Amino acid sequence: MGVVPLNGRPVSRGQNTAKRNIVAALDVGSTKITCLIAEVLPARQRLAGVGAHAQLKVLGLGHQAARGVKGGAVVNVDEAERAIRLAVDAAERMAQTTISAVHVAVSGGKPQSRAFSASIRTQTGVVSPRDRDTVVAQALAKADAKGRQVMALAPSYYTIDGGRLSGEPLGLHGAVLGVEVGLVTVDPAPVHNLATAIGRAHLSIAGQVLSGQAAARAALVEDELELGTLVIEMGGAVTSLALFHDGRLVAADVVPVGGLHVTHDIARGLSTTIAHAERMKTLWGSVYATAADDRDMLTVPLLGERGADMVNKVPKSALSGIIRPRLEETFELIQQKLALPAFARFGGARVVLTGGASQLTGLRDFAQQMLAAPVRQGSVATLSGMPDMARHPGFAVASGLLLQAIDPAPVYAMPQAAAAAVTEAHMGYVRRVGRWLAEAL
């Protein structure tokens, strides 16, 4: 079975892909499992001026109702394996090719963000590569994952004489160089369970990133990454948060509420089936009720009842009355996360909403009111060949995984030898420690 390195060049298991550069993405969510297969186009076939998006052509899409997944984590390996197989098979049939490895999004595992800092005196008063690598090595030596799996580890920002920089410090004058390294970790068990289900579907994992980080690759523009943006990926059972600053992921977390909770609230409140509650949410769901909503009536089939007379009539405003309290709870939980030090130290970020649950009418204005920040609705990256039905925020994670596959964000390793490397630096021969890229997380 082939393994895809981080640059997204897979080893084919079939003759069909032997001469093609194929990458695949797998988003295992709590409501749906999505597989995207794309070809990395040679330079002569790319559109000019479109950027990284022009490098890909989507060949196949498969999606399947999720089974064996709850709260973003695999809880039944057998059911999850079958659902993964069905989604991958549908994508392979559409693409007329086979895959052996996938890039995966992680939404479970309760992400935690921590920061470690270090500072040194520059040797000549001008920051050299040796100075930079030494201070990074010192910060890495302090990093402690505490038995959790590292998902992101990279400098959040540098400082010179106490002033924060927005980029690399090389060549700048200053006496003291500082760095803050951001560390994002997850519980290893959910990641291992996900890997087990994928492995039993005869696939290997080429790389994995947090769901919010993948969604950001699809939804954010370059300036948003640089200036500071919070991505809120509203999934089925969890809402993922990913904060970016100076082009880097600096903090991540999740809240255990998603669109499926809204659906269940509707089903309970109106005594109807979950399927019909989902339909009502999709067609008529809104955060705010209008004056006309008190007059417009909706027909609701009653749960467990049969016959044309076994329905209830409710005003459309009743739907908003059920939806809004759950969203208030969701954004109150988000506010609590944003008050944590990992997020608060980068305050004032704009907000981009992604995920299927973010499409509720009025949600953008509601989020802007709750978070007191500029908010926009994220859109899916414009990829050649993407089916029309997948060009909405619900497929942001899967499309972002494809972009991550061909242009992976740097992830620093956390070697046990980091402290020894610092000692070597003081002895006079730093070899650019701290610049290792993790081949696998």
Foldseek 3Di string as FASTA:
>chain_A
DWAAWLLQAIDFPDPVCNPWRKAKAWEQFQFKIKIWIWTQDDPVQFDPPQPLLRRIATQFMFMFTHDQDALQFRNDLVRRLVRNLRGQVRRCVSNVGHAAAHEYAGADQFKFKDKFKFKDFDPPQFDALLRVLLRLLVRLLPDDPPQFAWQFKDWQFKDAPRHTDLDDRHGPGGGMIMTMIMTMTGHVPRVVSVQSSQVVNNHHYNAYHHLQQLLCLFFPDPVLLACKEWEWAAEQQKTKIFIHHSNDTQTIGIDGHHPVVLLVLQCVVQQADSVVSVVCCVPQFALDDDPCQQVAWDWGAHPPDDDPVRIDIHGSVVSNVRNNVSVVVVLVVVVVVCPDPSNVVSPQRAYEYAAPRCPHHPNLVVNCVSVVHHYDYTWGHDHHNDDPVCGGRNCSNRSSSVSCSNPPDFHWDSDVCSVVLSVVSVVPDRDSPRRDGDRYD
